[in-house]
Amino acid sequence: MDAFTAGLLQRIKTTESDLSRARDEGDEFLVEVELGELDDLRRLAAEHGVEVGTTSV
């Protein structure tokens, strides 16, 4: 796995964790921010052929 792929997958994992925490805290604004970031990261992964495991968001 190259550095780009590893970094992208780590950013996705971190964003999913941040999203979960925002939901747990009831921070609706932060939930929307994290969902937008996650969408952008997944789109970037798809554009570069990086397979992302599916998680329920």
Protein backbone atom coordinates (compact mmCIF):
# COMPACT_ATOMS: atom_id res chain seq x y z
CA MET A 1 0.00 0.00 0.00
CA ASP A 2 1.43 3.35 -0.98
CA ALA A 3 1.53 6.42 1.26
CA PHE A 4 -1.39 8.12 -0.53
CA THR A 5 -3.68 5.14 -0.02
CA ALA A 6 -2.63 4.63 3.59
CA GLY A 7 -3.11 8.31 4.38
CA LEU A 8 -6.50 8.45 2.71
CA LEU A 9 -7.74 5.35 4.53
CA GLN A 10 -6.49 6.78 7.84
CA ARG A 11 -8.29 10.07 7.20
CA ILE A 12 -11.50 8.16 6.46
CA LYS A 13 -11.14 6.14 9.66
CA THR A 14 -10.50 9.29 11.71
CA THR A 15 -13.45 11.10 10.14
CA GLU A 16 -15.75 8.14 10.85
CA SER A 17 -14.61 8.22 14.48
CA ASP A 18 -15.16 11.99 14.69
CA LEU A 19 -18.62 11.54 13.15
CA SER A 20 -19.53 8.90 15.71
CA ARG A 21 -18.37 11.15 18.54
CA ALA A 22 -20.35 14.12 17.16
CA ARG A 23 -23.48 11.96 16.98
CA ASP A 24 -22.94 10.70 20.53
CA GLU A 25 -22.59 14.30 21.75
CA GLY A 26 -25.67 15.44 19.82
CA ASP A 27 -23.69 18.07 17.89
CA GLU A 28 -25.83 18.32 14.74
CA PHE A 29 -23.62 20.92 13.09
CA LEU A 30 -20.49 18.84 13.55
CA VAL A 31 -22.34 15.75 12.27
CA GLU A 32 -23.08 17.61 9.03
CA VAL A 33 -19.47 18.81 8.75
CA GLU A 34 -18.10 15.29 9.27
CA LEU A 35 -20.60 13.78 6.80
CA GLY A 36 -19.48 16.28 4.18
CA GLU A 37 -15.82 15.47 4.85
CA LEU A 38 -16.53 11.74 4.67
CA ASP A 39 -18.35 12.16 1.35
CA ASP A 40 -15.40 14.10 -0.06
CA LEU A 41 -12.88 11.50 1.14
CA ARG A 42 -14.91 8.62 -0.28
CA ARG A 43 -15.25 10.42 -3.60
CA LEU A 44 -11.49 10.99 -3.67
CA ALA A 45 -10.91 7.32 -2.90
CA ALA A 46 -13.23 6.26 -5.71
CA GLU A 47 -11.53 8.60 -8.18
CA HIS A 48 -8.18 6.97 -7.39
CA GLY A 49 -9.36 3.39 -7.26
CA VAL A 50 -8.92 3.05 -3.51
CA GLU A 51 -11.31 0.47 -2.10
CA VAL A 52 -12.94 1.63 1.10
CA GLY A 53 -14.59 -0.83 3.45
CA THR A 54 -18.26 -0.21 4.00
CA THR A 55 -19.39 1.05 7.35
CA SER A 56 -22.78 2.22 8.42
CA VAL A 57 -22.81 5.97 8.72
